[in-house]
Amino acid sequence: MSTALLVLPSDLRHSNAAACLAQLQSQIRSSPDTEVEIQAGSLSEFDSSALAVLLGCRREAESLSKSLKFKQFPAKLRELAMLYGVSELLVESA
């Protein structure tokens, strides 16, 4: 099984979250792969909008019956997810 690889930008804040989500959702929809991996390793500047983008990607993948994996979360993103109570929805894959 092949995996579509999507990469978050280094800056993901309210000002560019809608555009980023639209682009990622489009990539999820257009990919023929049944598995999608989102890498957050380059994410350095972000706010809670990053969580909204990740949750939107999760919803998109689920609506298409695609599995979604998250990788390389920065420690602060994990902390933010815990603070907002969504960490169980954004589980990182090993």
N, C-alpha and C. Protein backbone atom coordinates (compact mmCIF):
# COMPACT_ATOMS: atom_id res chain seq x y z
N MET A 1 0.85 -1.18 0.00
CA MET A 1 0.00 0.00 0.00
C MET A 1 0.89 1.24 0.00
N SER A 2 0.63 2.16 -0.90
CA SER A 2 1.40 3.39 -0.95
C SER A 2 0.74 4.45 -0.07
N THR A 3 1.55 5.41 0.32
CA THR A 3 1.10 6.44 1.24
C THR A 3 1.33 7.82 0.63
N ALA A 4 0.32 8.65 0.69
CA ALA A 4 0.46 10.05 0.27
C ALA A 4 1.14 10.81 1.40
N LEU A 5 2.20 11.52 1.09
CA LEU A 5 2.94 12.27 2.09
C LEU A 5 2.63 13.75 1.96
N LEU A 6 2.09 14.33 3.03
CA LEU A 6 1.79 15.76 3.06
C LEU A 6 2.65 16.39 4.16
N VAL A 7 3.13 17.58 3.92
CA VAL A 7 4.03 18.25 4.86
C VAL A 7 3.43 19.60 5.26
N LEU A 8 3.36 19.84 6.55
CA LEU A 8 2.88 21.13 7.03
C LEU A 8 3.94 22.20 6.79
N PRO A 9 3.52 23.43 6.57
CA PRO A 9 4.49 24.52 6.39
C PRO A 9 5.16 24.86 7.72
N SER A 10 6.21 25.64 7.68
CA SER A 10 6.90 26.02 8.91
C SER A 10 6.06 27.00 9.74
N ASP A 11 5.22 27.78 9.08
CA ASP A 11 4.37 28.77 9.75
C ASP A 11 2.91 28.43 9.48
N LEU A 12 2.19 28.12 10.54
CA LEU A 12 0.77 27.77 10.40
C LEU A 12 -0.02 28.46 11.52
N ARG A 13 -0.50 29.64 11.18
CA ARG A 13 -1.26 30.43 12.14
C ARG A 13 -2.59 30.84 11.52
N HIS A 14 -3.38 31.55 12.29
CA HIS A 14 -4.71 31.95 11.86
C HIS A 14 -4.70 32.60 10.48
N SER A 15 -3.68 33.40 10.21
CA SER A 15 -3.64 34.15 8.95
C SER A 15 -3.55 33.27 7.70
N ASN A 16 -2.99 32.08 7.81
CA ASN A 16 -2.86 31.22 6.63
C ASN A 16 -3.49 29.85 6.83
N ALA A 17 -4.21 29.65 7.92
CA ALA A 17 -4.78 28.34 8.23
C ALA A 17 -5.82 27.89 7.21
N ALA A 18 -6.71 28.76 6.80
CA ALA A 18 -7.77 28.38 5.86
C ALA A 18 -7.18 27.94 4.52
N ALA A 19 -6.20 28.67 4.04
CA ALA A 19 -5.56 28.32 2.77
C ALA A 19 -4.80 27.00 2.90
N CYS A 20 -4.13 26.81 4.01
CA CYS A 20 -3.38 25.58 4.24
C CYS A 20 -4.34 24.39 4.30
N LEU A 21 -5.44 24.53 5.03
CA LEU A 21 -6.41 23.45 5.14
C LEU A 21 -6.99 23.11 3.77
N ALA A 22 -7.35 24.13 3.00
CA ALA A 22 -7.91 23.88 1.67
C ALA A 22 -6.93 23.12 0.79
N GLN A 23 -5.66 23.49 0.86
CA GLN A 23 -4.64 22.82 0.05
C GLN A 23 -4.46 21.37 0.50
N LEU A 24 -4.38 21.13 1.80
CA LEU A 24 -4.21 19.77 2.31
C LEU A 24 -5.42 18.90 2.00
N GLN A 25 -6.61 19.45 2.17
CA GLN A 25 -7.82 18.68 1.85
C GLN A 25 -7.86 18.31 0.37
N SER A 26 -7.46 19.23 -0.48
CA SER A 26 -7.42 18.97 -1.91
C SER A 26 -6.43 17.84 -2.22
N GLN A 27 -5.29 17.86 -1.55
CA GLN A 27 -4.29 16.81 -1.75
C GLN A 27 -4.80 15.46 -1.26
N ILE A 28 -5.51 15.46 -0.16
CA ILE A 28 -6.08 14.22 0.37
C ILE A 28 -7.11 13.67 -0.61
N ARG A 29 -7.99 14.55 -1.10
CA ARG A 29 -9.03 14.12 -2.06
C ARG A 29 -8.43 13.61 -3.36
N SER A 30 -7.42 14.28 -3.87
CA SER A 30 -6.89 13.92 -5.19
C SER A 30 -5.92 12.75 -5.17
N SER A 31 -5.45 12.37 -4.01
CA SER A 31 -4.51 11.27 -3.93
C SER A 31 -5.22 9.93 -4.13
N PRO A 32 -4.63 9.07 -4.96
CA PRO A 32 -5.21 7.74 -5.14
C PRO A 32 -4.89 6.80 -3.99
N ASP A 33 -3.99 7.22 -3.12
CA ASP A 33 -3.57 6.39 -1.99
C ASP A 33 -4.67 6.28 -0.94
N THR A 34 -4.73 5.15 -0.28
CA THR A 34 -5.72 4.95 0.78
C THR A 34 -5.17 5.33 2.15
N GLU A 35 -3.88 5.64 2.19
CA GLU A 35 -3.25 6.06 3.43
C GLU A 35 -2.59 7.41 3.21
N VAL A 36 -2.75 8.29 4.19
CA VAL A 36 -2.18 9.64 4.11
C VAL A 36 -1.35 9.87 5.36
N GLU A 37 -0.17 10.43 5.17
CA GLU A 37 0.71 10.77 6.29
C GLU A 37 0.96 12.27 6.27
N ILE A 38 0.73 12.90 7.41
CA ILE A 38 1.01 14.33 7.54
C ILE A 38 2.20 14.50 8.46
N GLN A 39 3.25 15.12 7.93
CA GLN A 39 4.45 15.36 8.71
C GLN A 39 4.48 16.81 9.18
N ALA A 40 4.73 16.98 10.47
CA ALA A 40 4.74 18.31 11.06
C ALA A 40 6.12 18.73 11.53
N GLY A 41 7.15 18.04 11.07
CA GLY A 41 8.51 18.29 11.54
C GLY A 41 9.04 19.68 11.26
N SER A 42 8.59 20.32 10.20
CA SER A 42 9.09 21.66 9.89
C SER A 42 8.27 22.77 10.55
N LEU A 43 7.21 22.40 11.24
CA LEU A 43 6.33 23.38 11.88
C LEU A 43 7.07 24.05 13.04
N SER A 44 7.27 25.35 12.94
CA SER A 44 7.99 26.06 14.01
C SER A 44 7.19 27.24 14.58
N GLU A 45 6.39 27.89 13.76
CA GLU A 45 5.55 29.00 14.21
C GLU A 45 4.10 28.59 14.00
N PHE A 46 3.33 28.47 15.10
CA PHE A 46 1.95 28.04 14.97
C PHE A 46 1.14 28.48 16.17
N ASP A 47 -0.18 28.45 15.98
CA ASP A 47 -1.11 28.72 17.07
C ASP A 47 -2.17 27.61 17.05
N SER A 48 -3.24 27.80 17.76
CA SER A 48 -4.26 26.76 17.84
C SER A 48 -4.91 26.47 16.49
N SER A 49 -4.75 27.36 15.53
CA SER A 49 -5.27 27.11 14.18
C SER A 49 -4.64 25.86 13.57
N ALA A 50 -3.42 25.54 13.96
CA ALA A 50 -2.76 24.33 13.46
C ALA A 50 -3.56 23.09 13.86
N LEU A 51 -4.11 23.12 15.06
CA LEU A 51 -4.95 21.99 15.51
C LEU A 51 -6.20 21.88 14.65
N ALA A 52 -6.80 23.02 14.34
CA ALA A 52 -8.00 23.03 13.50
C ALA A 52 -7.69 22.47 12.12
N VAL A 53 -6.54 22.79 11.59
CA VAL A 53 -6.13 22.28 10.28
C VAL A 53 -5.97 20.76 10.34
N LEU A 54 -5.29 20.28 11.37
CA LEU A 54 -5.08 18.83 11.50
C LEU A 54 -6.40 18.09 11.68
N LEU A 55 -7.30 18.66 12.47
CA LEU A 55 -8.61 18.03 12.65
C LEU A 55 -9.42 18.05 11.36
N GLY A 56 -9.30 19.13 10.59
CA GLY A 56 -9.98 19.20 9.30
C GLY A 56 -9.45 18.15 8.34
N CYS A 57 -8.16 17.92 8.38
CA CYS A 57 -7.56 16.86 7.54
C CYS A 57 -8.05 15.49 7.99
N ARG A 58 -8.17 15.31 9.28
CA ARG A 58 -8.67 14.04 9.81
C ARG A 58 -10.10 13.78 9.32
N ARG A 59 -10.94 14.81 9.40
CA ARG A 59 -12.33 14.67 8.93
C ARG A 59 -12.37 14.35 7.43
N GLU A 60 -11.54 15.04 6.65
CA GLU A 60 -11.51 14.81 5.21
C GLU A 60 -11.10 13.37 4.90
N ALA A 61 -10.05 12.91 5.54
CA ALA A 61 -9.58 11.55 5.30
C ALA A 61 -10.65 10.53 5.70
N GLU A 62 -11.27 10.74 6.85
CA GLU A 62 -12.31 9.81 7.30
C GLU A 62 -13.50 9.79 6.34
N SER A 63 -13.86 10.94 5.80
CA SER A 63 -15.00 11.00 4.88
C SER A 63 -14.72 10.23 3.59
N LEU A 64 -13.44 10.04 3.28
CA LEU A 64 -13.04 9.31 2.08
C LEU A 64 -12.57 7.90 2.40
N SER A 65 -12.76 7.48 3.64
CA SER A 65 -12.33 6.16 4.11
C SER A 65 -10.84 5.93 3.92
N LYS A 66 -10.07 6.99 4.14
CA LYS A 66 -8.61 6.89 4.07
C LYS A 66 -8.05 6.91 5.48
N SER A 67 -6.99 6.14 5.70
CA SER A 67 -6.35 6.18 7.01
C SER A 67 -5.39 7.37 7.04
N LEU A 68 -5.24 7.96 8.20
CA LEU A 68 -4.41 9.15 8.35
C LEU A 68 -3.43 8.95 9.49
N LYS A 69 -2.17 9.25 9.21
CA LYS A 69 -1.13 9.17 10.22
C LYS A 69 -0.51 10.55 10.40
N PHE A 70 -0.18 10.86 11.64
CA PHE A 70 0.51 12.11 11.95
C PHE A 70 1.91 11.75 12.42
N LYS A 71 2.91 12.51 11.98
CA LYS A 71 4.29 12.26 12.37
C LYS A 71 5.02 13.56 12.67
N GLN A 72 6.02 13.45 13.52
CA GLN A 72 6.97 14.52 13.82
C GLN A 72 6.34 15.76 14.44
N PHE A 73 5.41 15.58 15.36
CA PHE A 73 4.84 16.73 16.04
C PHE A 73 5.89 17.41 16.91
N PRO A 74 6.02 18.73 16.82
CA PRO A 74 6.85 19.44 17.78
C PRO A 74 6.24 19.29 19.18
N ALA A 75 7.07 19.32 20.19
CA ALA A 75 6.61 19.14 21.58
C ALA A 75 5.51 20.16 21.93
N LYS A 76 5.66 21.40 21.48
CA LYS A 76 4.67 22.42 21.80
C LYS A 76 3.31 22.13 21.15
N LEU A 77 3.31 21.49 19.99
CA LEU A 77 2.06 21.12 19.34
C LEU A 77 1.37 20.02 20.15
N ARG A 78 2.14 19.06 20.65
CA ARG A 78 1.57 18.01 21.51
C ARG A 78 0.95 18.63 22.76
N GLU A 79 1.66 19.59 23.35
CA GLU A 79 1.16 20.27 24.55
C GLU A 79 -0.13 21.03 24.25
N LEU A 80 -0.18 21.69 23.13
CA LEU A 80 -1.36 22.46 22.73
C LEU A 80 -2.55 21.52 22.52
N ALA A 81 -2.30 20.39 21.90
CA ALA A 81 -3.37 19.41 21.68
C ALA A 81 -3.91 18.88 23.01
N MET A 82 -3.02 18.67 23.97
CA MET A 82 -3.46 18.22 25.30
C MET A 82 -4.28 19.31 25.98
N LEU A 83 -3.81 20.55 25.89
CA LEU A 83 -4.49 21.68 26.51
C LEU A 83 -5.91 21.83 25.97
N TYR A 84 -6.08 21.64 24.66
CA TYR A 84 -7.40 21.78 24.03
C TYR A 84 -8.22 20.50 24.09
N GLY A 85 -7.66 19.43 24.63
CA GLY A 85 -8.40 18.19 24.78
C GLY A 85 -8.61 17.42 23.50
N VAL A 86 -7.72 17.59 22.53
CA VAL A 86 -7.87 16.88 21.26
C VAL A 86 -6.71 15.92 20.99
N SER A 87 -5.88 15.68 21.96
CA SER A 87 -4.71 14.84 21.73
C SER A 87 -5.09 13.42 21.32
N GLU A 88 -6.23 12.92 21.82
CA GLU A 88 -6.66 11.56 21.44
C GLU A 88 -7.14 11.50 19.99
N LEU A 89 -7.44 12.64 19.39
CA LEU A 89 -7.85 12.68 17.99
C LEU A 89 -6.68 12.86 17.04
N LEU A 90 -5.55 13.27 17.60
CA LEU A 90 -4.36 13.57 16.78
C LEU A 90 -3.18 12.72 17.25
N VAL A 91 -3.38 11.43 17.28
CA VAL A 91 -2.36 10.52 17.79
C VAL A 91 -1.25 10.37 16.75
N GLU A 92 -0.02 10.56 17.24
CA GLU A 92 1.15 10.42 16.37
C GLU A 92 1.46 8.95 16.12
N SER A 93 1.86 8.65 14.92
CA SER A 93 2.29 7.30 14.57
C SER A 93 3.80 7.19 14.77
N ALA A 94 4.22 6.01 15.12
CA ALA A 94 5.66 5.78 15.34
C ALA A 94 6.41 5.73 14.04
